[in-house]
Protein backbone atom coordinates (compact mmCIF):
# COMPACT_ATOMS: atom_id res chain seq x y z
CA MET A 1 14.80 -11.98 -22.56
CA MET A 2 14.34 -14.02 -19.79
CA LYS A 3 13.83 -17.07 -20.80
CA GLY A 4 16.48 -19.53 -19.64
CA LYS A 5 18.22 -16.51 -17.48
CA HIS A 6 19.25 -17.88 -13.60
CA ILE A 7 18.84 -15.39 -11.37
CA ILE A 8 18.56 -15.00 -7.70
CA LEU A 9 15.66 -13.20 -5.99
CA GLY A 10 17.07 -12.01 -2.94
CA ILE A 11 14.44 -11.22 -0.12
CA CYS A 12 14.97 -8.40 2.81
CA GLY A 13 12.66 -8.74 6.33
CA GLY A 14 10.29 -6.22 4.97
CA ILE A 15 6.37 -5.75 4.71
CA ALA A 16 6.73 -5.41 1.02
CA ALA A 17 8.28 -9.32 0.90
CA TYR A 18 4.72 -9.73 0.28
CA LYS A 19 5.28 -8.41 -3.35
CA SER A 20 8.56 -10.56 -3.95
CA VAL A 21 6.22 -13.73 -4.04
CA TYR A 22 4.29 -11.76 -7.23
CA LEU A 23 8.10 -10.86 -8.43
CA LEU A 24 8.77 -14.64 -8.38
CA ARG A 25 5.45 -15.86 -9.78
CA LEU A 26 6.43 -13.30 -12.81
CA LEU A 27 10.60 -14.34 -13.03
CA VAL A 28 9.13 -17.74 -13.64
CA LYS A 29 6.29 -17.18 -16.01
CA ALA A 30 8.81 -15.36 -17.87
CA GLY A 31 10.87 -18.22 -17.75
CA ALA A 32 13.23 -17.81 -15.79
CA GLU A 33 14.93 -20.19 -13.61
CA VAL A 34 15.23 -18.86 -9.79
CA GLN A 35 16.98 -19.25 -6.71
CA VAL A 36 15.24 -17.91 -3.78
CA VAL A 37 18.28 -16.57 -1.05
CA ILE A 38 15.98 -14.90 2.27
CA THR A 39 17.27 -12.98 5.60
CA PRO A 40 16.56 -14.55 8.49
CA ALA A 41 14.81 -11.28 9.14
CA GLY A 42 12.95 -12.25 5.77
CA LYS A 43 11.40 -15.47 6.68
CA GLU A 44 9.39 -13.10 9.39
CA PHE A 45 7.50 -12.23 6.43
CA ILE A 46 7.08 -14.85 3.95
CA THR A 47 7.21 -18.11 4.29
CA PRO A 48 10.39 -20.45 2.73
CA VAL A 49 7.51 -23.26 1.45
CA THR A 50 5.22 -20.74 -0.46
CA LEU A 51 8.51 -19.51 -2.29
CA SER A 52 9.86 -22.55 -2.98
CA SER A 53 6.93 -24.22 -4.18
CA LEU A 54 6.73 -21.16 -6.64
CA SER A 55 10.11 -21.46 -7.94
CA GLY A 56 10.90 -25.20 -7.27
CA LYS A 57 13.47 -24.88 -5.67
CA PRO A 58 14.59 -25.10 -2.25
CA VAL A 59 15.07 -22.09 -0.74
CA ILE A 60 18.76 -21.07 0.91
CA SER A 61 18.89 -19.72 3.83
CA GLU A 62 21.34 -20.21 6.00
CA PHE A 63 24.87 -21.13 5.20
CA PHE A 64 24.86 -25.13 6.22
CA THR A 65 21.77 -26.92 5.71
CA ALA A 66 19.72 -28.23 8.93
CA ASN A 67 20.72 -31.08 10.25
CA THR A 68 22.11 -33.02 7.37
CA GLY A 69 24.93 -30.15 7.86
CA SER A 70 25.25 -29.20 3.84
CA TRP A 71 26.93 -26.47 3.06
CA ASN A 72 25.25 -23.76 0.49
CA SER A 73 28.48 -22.72 -1.91
CA HIS A 74 27.53 -18.50 -1.87
CA VAL A 75 30.34 -18.64 -4.64
CA ASP A 76 28.92 -21.46 -6.80
CA LEU A 77 25.86 -19.51 -6.97
CA GLY A 78 27.70 -15.91 -7.64
CA LEU A 79 28.95 -17.97 -10.74
CA TRP A 80 25.41 -19.64 -11.83
CA ALA A 81 23.44 -16.24 -11.86
CA ASP A 82 22.43 -14.15 -14.95
CA ALA A 83 21.29 -11.70 -12.39
CA MET A 84 20.93 -10.87 -9.38
CA ILE A 85 17.46 -8.91 -7.73
CA ILE A 86 17.13 -7.63 -4.05
CA ALA A 87 13.29 -6.96 -3.49
CA PRO A 88 13.03 -5.87 -1.27
CA ALA A 89 16.07 -4.29 0.06
CA THR A 90 16.17 -2.72 3.20
CA ALA A 91 17.94 -0.05 4.63
CA SER A 92 20.31 -2.84 6.95
CA THR A 93 21.25 -4.96 4.00
CA ILE A 94 21.80 -2.34 1.76
CA GLY A 95 24.12 -1.12 4.25
CA LYS A 96 26.01 -3.97 4.44
CA MET A 97 26.43 -5.07 1.15
CA ALA A 98 27.86 -1.12 0.82
CA ASN A 99 29.99 -1.89 3.26
CA GLY A 100 30.82 -5.79 2.89
CA ILE A 101 29.22 -6.88 6.05
CA ALA A 102 29.15 -10.20 4.52
CA ASP A 103 27.15 -11.82 7.49
CA ASN A 104 23.96 -13.72 6.08
CA MET A 105 24.35 -15.66 2.86
CA LEU A 106 22.38 -12.96 0.47
CA VAL A 107 25.21 -10.35 1.25
CA THR A 108 27.89 -13.17 1.23
CA THR A 109 26.14 -14.50 -2.14
CA TYR A 110 25.57 -10.88 -3.97
CA LEU A 111 29.65 -10.19 -2.43
CA SER A 112 30.71 -13.34 -4.95
CA ALA A 113 28.04 -13.10 -8.08
CA LYS A 114 29.95 -11.84 -11.40
CA CYS A 115 26.14 -10.59 -12.40
CA PRO A 116 23.87 -7.68 -12.87
CA ILE A 117 22.70 -6.52 -9.46
CA PHE A 118 19.40 -5.51 -8.76
CA LEU A 119 18.53 -3.42 -5.73
CA ALA A 120 14.42 -2.88 -5.40
CA PRO A 121 14.46 -0.63 -1.89
CA ALA A 122 11.76 -0.83 0.59
CA MET A 123 11.63 1.42 3.56
CA ASP A 124 10.19 3.97 5.44
CA LEU A 125 10.23 7.78 4.16
CA ASP A 126 11.92 8.83 7.04
CA MET A 127 14.96 6.39 6.46
CA MET A 128 14.93 6.54 3.07
CA ALA A 129 15.41 9.99 3.10
CA HIS A 130 18.44 9.70 5.52
CA PRO A 131 22.17 10.89 4.63
CA SER A 132 23.43 7.18 5.53
CA THR A 133 21.03 5.10 3.44
CA LYS A 134 21.77 8.23 0.24
CA ARG A 135 25.29 7.41 0.85
CA ASN A 136 24.61 3.63 0.85
CA LEU A 137 23.05 4.01 -2.12
CA GLU A 138 25.27 6.40 -4.90
CA LEU A 139 28.27 3.73 -3.80
CA LEU A 140 26.27 1.36 -4.42
CA ALA A 141 25.14 2.52 -7.31
CA SER A 142 29.30 3.31 -7.84
CA TYR A 143 29.98 -0.14 -8.09
CA GLY A 144 27.47 -0.92 -11.05
CA ASN A 145 24.76 -2.12 -9.45
CA HIS A 146 21.23 -1.26 -10.78
CA ILE A 147 19.16 0.79 -8.42
CA ILE A 148 15.43 0.44 -8.91
CA GLU A 149 13.80 3.56 -6.66
CA PRO A 150 11.22 2.90 -5.12
CA ALA A 151 7.59 4.57 -5.72
CA VAL A 152 6.00 7.46 -3.84
CA GLY A 153 3.10 6.21 -2.31
CA GLU A 154 1.10 5.16 1.66
CA LEU A 155 3.72 3.16 3.41
CA ALA A 156 3.84 0.57 6.12
CA SER A 157 3.64 3.36 9.06
CA HIS A 158 0.37 4.90 7.29
CA LEU A 159 2.83 8.18 6.37
CA VAL A 160 2.87 8.97 2.44
CA GLY A 161 6.54 9.62 0.98
CA LYS A 162 9.19 8.00 -0.85
CA GLY A 163 10.25 3.94 0.26
CA ARG A 164 7.43 1.94 -1.49
CA MET A 165 9.04 -0.65 -3.12
CA GLU A 166 8.48 -1.09 -7.19
CA GLU A 167 6.01 -2.94 -8.28
CA PRO A 168 7.02 -6.03 -9.29
CA GLU A 169 6.01 -5.86 -13.17
CA ASN A 170 8.51 -2.84 -13.43
CA ILE A 171 11.27 -4.64 -11.43
CA VAL A 172 10.93 -7.52 -14.35
CA LYS A 173 11.00 -4.89 -17.28
CA ALA A 174 13.97 -3.31 -16.11
CA VAL A 175 15.60 -6.47 -15.77
CA GLU A 176 14.38 -7.34 -19.10
CA ALA A 177 15.27 -4.00 -20.16
CA TYR A 178 19.20 -4.53 -19.29
CA PHE A 179 18.95 -7.84 -20.66
CA SER A 180 17.72 -6.54 -23.79
CA SER A 181 20.37 -3.76 -23.71
CA GLN A 182 22.98 -6.51 -23.50
CA CYS A 183 22.32 -8.16 -27.64
CA ASP A 184 22.69 -4.43 -28.71
CA LEU A 185 26.26 -5.06 -30.77
CA LYS A 186 24.57 -8.75 -31.74
CA GLY A 187 25.74 -9.04 -35.33
CA ARG A 188 28.66 -6.38 -35.03
CA SER A 189 32.14 -6.94 -35.57
CA VAL A 190 34.42 -5.19 -32.97
CA MET A 191 38.01 -5.39 -33.22
CA ILE A 192 40.36 -4.44 -30.07
CA THR A 193 43.81 -3.83 -29.10
CA ALA A 194 44.98 -4.66 -25.96
CA GLY A 195 48.36 -4.34 -23.83
CA PRO A 196 51.76 -3.48 -24.56
CA THR A 197 53.99 -4.45 -27.31
CA TYR A 198 57.66 -5.57 -26.49
CA GLU A 199 60.51 -4.60 -29.08
CA ARG A 200 63.27 -6.77 -29.28
CA ILE A 201 66.97 -5.70 -28.22
CA ASP A 202 68.35 -8.71 -28.11
CA PRO A 203 66.93 -12.58 -27.87
CA VAL A 204 66.84 -11.74 -24.05
CA ARG A 205 66.00 -7.55 -24.50
CA PHE A 206 63.44 -5.74 -25.02
CA ILE A 207 61.50 -1.87 -24.80
CA GLY A 208 58.39 -2.09 -23.20
CA ASN A 209 56.16 -0.06 -20.88
CA TYR A 210 54.02 -1.26 -18.33
CA SER A 211 50.99 -2.18 -19.34
CA SER A 212 48.05 -4.60 -18.48
CA GLY A 213 46.40 -5.60 -20.51
CA LYS A 214 42.99 -5.21 -18.15
CA MET A 215 41.33 -2.27 -19.65
CA GLY A 216 41.43 -3.75 -23.10
CA TYR A 217 40.80 -7.13 -22.18
CA ALA A 218 37.81 -6.32 -20.09
CA ILE A 219 36.31 -3.89 -23.16
CA ALA A 220 36.76 -6.71 -25.06
CA GLU A 221 34.43 -9.25 -22.68
CA GLU A 222 32.13 -6.18 -22.52
CA CYS A 223 31.19 -6.00 -26.29
CA ALA A 224 31.32 -9.87 -26.67
CA ARG A 225 28.99 -10.40 -23.67
CA ARG A 226 26.94 -7.88 -25.58
CA GLY A 227 26.61 -9.56 -28.64
CA ALA A 228 29.96 -9.35 -30.76
CA GLU A 229 32.14 -11.09 -32.73
CA VAL A 230 35.36 -9.66 -31.24
CA THR A 231 39.14 -9.70 -32.57
CA LEU A 232 41.26 -9.16 -29.87
CA VAL A 233 44.99 -7.98 -31.29
CA SER A 234 47.03 -8.47 -27.96
CA GLY A 235 50.74 -8.21 -27.10
CA PRO A 236 52.32 -10.11 -24.49
CA VAL A 237 50.41 -10.05 -20.97
CA SER A 238 49.73 -13.43 -18.60
CA LEU A 239 45.65 -12.97 -19.11
CA LYS A 240 42.55 -14.92 -20.69
CA CYS A 241 39.72 -14.72 -22.63
CA SER A 242 36.53 -16.06 -21.24
CA ASN A 243 34.13 -15.20 -23.75
CA PRO A 244 33.75 -17.61 -26.79
CA ARG A 245 32.81 -14.88 -28.96
CA ILE A 246 36.59 -14.04 -28.62
CA ARG A 247 39.39 -14.93 -31.03
CA ARG A 248 42.55 -13.89 -29.61
CA ILE A 249 45.67 -12.93 -32.34
CA ASP A 250 48.53 -12.64 -29.89
CA VAL A 251 51.62 -10.40 -31.02
CA GLU A 252 54.90 -9.33 -29.84
CA SER A 253 56.41 -5.62 -31.66
CA ALA A 254 54.46 -2.60 -32.74
CA ARG A 255 54.27 -4.07 -36.88
CA GLU A 256 53.10 -7.30 -35.71
CA MET A 257 50.08 -6.23 -34.23
CA LEU A 258 49.79 -3.19 -37.25
CA GLU A 259 49.56 -6.63 -39.45
CA ALA A 260 47.22 -7.86 -37.51
CA ALA A 261 45.27 -4.89 -36.38
CA ASP A 262 45.31 -3.97 -39.70
CA GLU A 263 43.34 -7.24 -41.31
CA ALA A 264 41.01 -7.44 -38.73
CA PHE A 265 39.94 -3.74 -39.47
CA ALA A 266 38.60 -4.60 -42.76
CA THR A 267 35.97 -6.54 -41.86
CA SER A 268 35.35 -5.27 -38.59
CA ASP A 269 32.42 -1.91 -38.01
CA VAL A 270 34.45 -1.32 -34.94
CA ALA A 271 37.95 -0.62 -34.12
CA ILE A 272 39.08 -0.02 -29.84
CA MET A 273 42.80 0.94 -29.76
CA CYS A 274 43.26 0.20 -26.44
CA ALA A 275 46.85 -1.32 -26.31
CA ALA A 276 50.02 0.44 -25.05
CA VAL A 277 52.20 0.23 -28.09
CA ALA A 278 55.78 1.07 -28.51
CA ASP A 279 56.22 4.36 -30.38
CA TYR A 280 60.31 2.96 -31.53
CA TYR A 281 61.92 -0.28 -32.31
CA VAL A 282 65.98 -0.84 -32.06
CA GLU A 283 66.35 -1.10 -35.99
CA ASN A 284 70.05 -2.12 -34.73
CA ARG A 285 69.05 -5.78 -33.13
CA ALA A 286 71.62 -8.34 -31.92
CA THR A 287 70.66 -11.76 -33.10
CA THR A 288 72.73 -12.95 -29.88
CA LYS A 289 72.93 -11.86 -26.56
CA ILE A 290 74.39 -8.91 -25.75
CA LYS A 291 77.33 -9.88 -22.61
CA ARG A 292 77.88 -7.84 -20.50
CA GLU A 293 81.86 -9.00 -19.47
CA LYS A 294 82.68 -8.84 -23.00
CA ASP A 295 81.24 -6.11 -25.37
CA GLU A 296 80.93 -2.73 -25.59
CA ILE A 297 78.15 -0.74 -24.15
CA PRO A 298 75.97 -1.20 -26.78
CA GLN A 299 74.26 1.85 -29.28
CA ILE A 300 70.72 1.42 -29.46
CA VAL A 301 69.64 2.53 -32.73
CA LEU A 302 66.25 3.49 -32.35
CA LYS A 303 63.60 3.75 -35.67
CA ARG A 304 60.30 4.96 -35.40
CA ASN A 305 57.18 2.85 -35.94
CA PRO A 306 54.13 2.90 -37.23
CA ASP A 307 51.11 4.76 -35.77
CA ILE A 308 48.63 1.85 -35.79
CA ALA A 309 45.55 3.96 -35.47
CA ALA A 310 46.73 6.48 -37.43
CA THR A 311 47.01 4.30 -40.11
CA LEU A 312 43.82 2.68 -39.80
CA GLY A 313 42.32 5.92 -39.38
CA ALA A 314 42.97 6.84 -43.11
CA LYS A 315 41.63 2.91 -43.65
CA LYS A 316 38.29 3.69 -41.82
CA ARG A 317 34.66 3.59 -44.45
CA PRO A 318 31.83 5.75 -43.33
CA TRP A 319 30.56 3.25 -41.42
CA GLN A 320 33.25 2.19 -39.63
CA LEU A 321 33.69 3.95 -36.13
CA LEU A 322 37.59 3.92 -34.78
CA VAL A 323 38.06 4.69 -31.27
CA GLY A 324 41.63 5.67 -29.90
CA PHE A 325 42.74 5.77 -26.56
CA ALA A 326 45.23 8.64 -25.01
CA LEU A 327 47.31 8.09 -22.15
CA GLU A 328 48.54 11.59 -20.80
CA THR A 329 50.76 12.99 -17.91
CA ASP A 330 50.52 16.59 -18.72
CA ASN A 331 48.26 18.66 -21.09
CA GLU A 332 45.78 16.06 -20.87
CA ALA A 333 42.76 17.32 -22.38
CA VAL A 334 45.14 19.40 -25.38
CA ASN A 335 46.73 16.33 -25.99
CA ALA A 336 43.96 14.36 -26.81
CA LYS A 337 42.06 16.06 -28.25
CA SER A 338 44.43 16.86 -30.95
CA LYS A 339 45.55 13.39 -31.71
CA ILE A 340 41.54 13.32 -32.59
CA GLU A 341 41.82 14.62 -35.62
CA ARG A 342 45.20 13.60 -36.46
CA LYS A 343 44.54 10.17 -36.13
CA ASN A 344 40.46 10.42 -37.74
CA LEU A 345 39.19 9.28 -34.93
CA ASP A 346 35.39 9.17 -33.59
CA PHE A 347 36.27 9.43 -30.05
CA ILE A 348 38.60 9.32 -27.67
CA VAL A 349 39.26 7.57 -23.89
CA LEU A 350 41.89 10.15 -21.92
CA ASN A 351 43.02 9.04 -18.56
CA SER A 352 45.90 10.70 -16.49
CA LEU A 353 49.19 9.21 -14.48
CA ARG A 354 48.57 11.82 -12.51
CA ASP A 355 45.30 10.02 -11.47
CA LYS A 356 45.70 7.77 -8.41
CA ASP A 357 44.55 3.72 -8.69
CA ALA A 358 44.30 4.55 -12.92
CA CYS A 359 46.09 3.43 -15.57
CA PHE A 360 48.93 0.37 -15.62
CA GLY A 361 48.64 -2.21 -13.48
CA THR A 362 45.35 -1.47 -11.47
CA ASP A 363 41.88 -2.86 -11.22
CA THR A 364 40.22 0.33 -11.41
CA ASN A 365 40.18 3.41 -13.85
CA LYS A 366 39.14 7.30 -14.56
CA VAL A 367 38.70 8.09 -18.05
CA THR A 368 37.34 11.19 -19.49
CA ILE A 369 35.74 10.52 -23.33
CA ILE A 370 36.43 13.67 -25.38
CA ALA A 371 34.29 13.41 -29.15
CA ALA A 372 35.31 14.57 -32.39
CA ASP A 373 33.61 18.44 -31.54
CA GLY A 374 35.81 19.03 -28.19
CA ALA A 375 32.75 17.86 -25.68
CA GLU A 376 34.12 15.80 -22.25
CA LYS A 377 32.39 13.63 -20.94
CA PRO A 378 33.99 12.68 -17.36
CA PHE A 379 33.82 9.38 -15.12
CA ALA A 380 34.18 8.79 -12.08
CA LEU A 381 37.24 6.53 -10.60
CA LYS A 382 35.37 2.75 -11.39
CA PRO A 383 36.50 -0.86 -11.55
CA LYS A 384 37.88 -2.09 -15.53
CA SER A 385 35.21 -3.91 -16.07
CA GLU A 386 32.68 -0.93 -14.87
CA VAL A 387 35.16 1.67 -17.82
CA ALA A 388 35.07 -1.22 -19.99
CA ARG A 389 30.76 -0.57 -19.69
CA ASP A 390 31.22 2.86 -20.23
CA ILE A 391 33.11 3.17 -23.26
CA VAL A 392 31.01 -0.05 -24.82
CA ASP A 393 27.55 2.18 -23.92
CA GLU A 394 29.40 5.16 -26.03
CA VAL A 395 30.35 3.01 -28.84
CA VAL A 396 26.55 1.62 -29.09
CA SER A 397 25.41 5.40 -29.07
CA ARG A 398 27.07 6.37 -32.37
CA LEU A 399 26.58 3.24 -33.70
CA ARG A 400 22.61 3.77 -33.40
């Protein structure tokens, strides 16, 4: 799992830095390409010469290289890495990471990273138990970081308690387990609908909604990252796909979306209906632009659009998984649960317009996953990329 992976190993100023040498050796031995980023305090505990010898790369500590003035780009590092491991992670660095204090190369690289982050805290037991440390770790976990809990044992103070950095072998196992889980959709085909649909009134006007497509695109990226072949049926949005395993089909209206989704569903293991589909289309659509100055106020005749999720639900075969979305403004859970049975869904993802910073146009969302038996699994407000991970985790658990 580690062969060919690009790993940033962040080392902070703590006595457990000596373990980072063993961790680095294990990562390289497993086939990873490792770039060490060390804090200035970290160099007081372990020398860059040792680390560079093991990694085969110059160790990065400062924003600029001494004498030459060349710039070490934290942005490029963040894009290069498949994972970032910070071990040991001291209370100081944890606090800076949680609060965005980018006063050294390590924290700046963390803030730029697009990859999963693993933290292995190491500090004295009283520091570990302090409310500020607990709060910072909880905050970092809520951002989607992976916390590798420290062990209980004898510490540098010769006291015994929780705060001893986890052993390098176990840190490598945790990262390998993560990469292994990221292939849990390999060989699966997933169809996802995303974004709004537009129903034309005339050649320049339409009935639509505020959906940005961000949630559906985040789910598509997460599925593709975990090995699935993804068909993304997208309404009109300005977003782009980055993973080559995503095949995007652009549509405009609900009926166009149904046609594309129906065709893709026939060969899909999973369908996730994330699009905000218009309930009605304009039956008497004008073929030329309606003129305000000349024409009477138009009488728009609406006709009900087909229910895409219900149409697919009626065709669903035993081996297929169908996931719905419910955006509600009142009686949220009741309305969402009624859709599960009507549309033959395996589970539904509920979100509410009453939740601040969730739903349309935002980068965050707050959802509850509701199973067919009525069991509810609520989640806190998170970035949509993390919400996508929660939803796909639920999909994988059911496929198993």
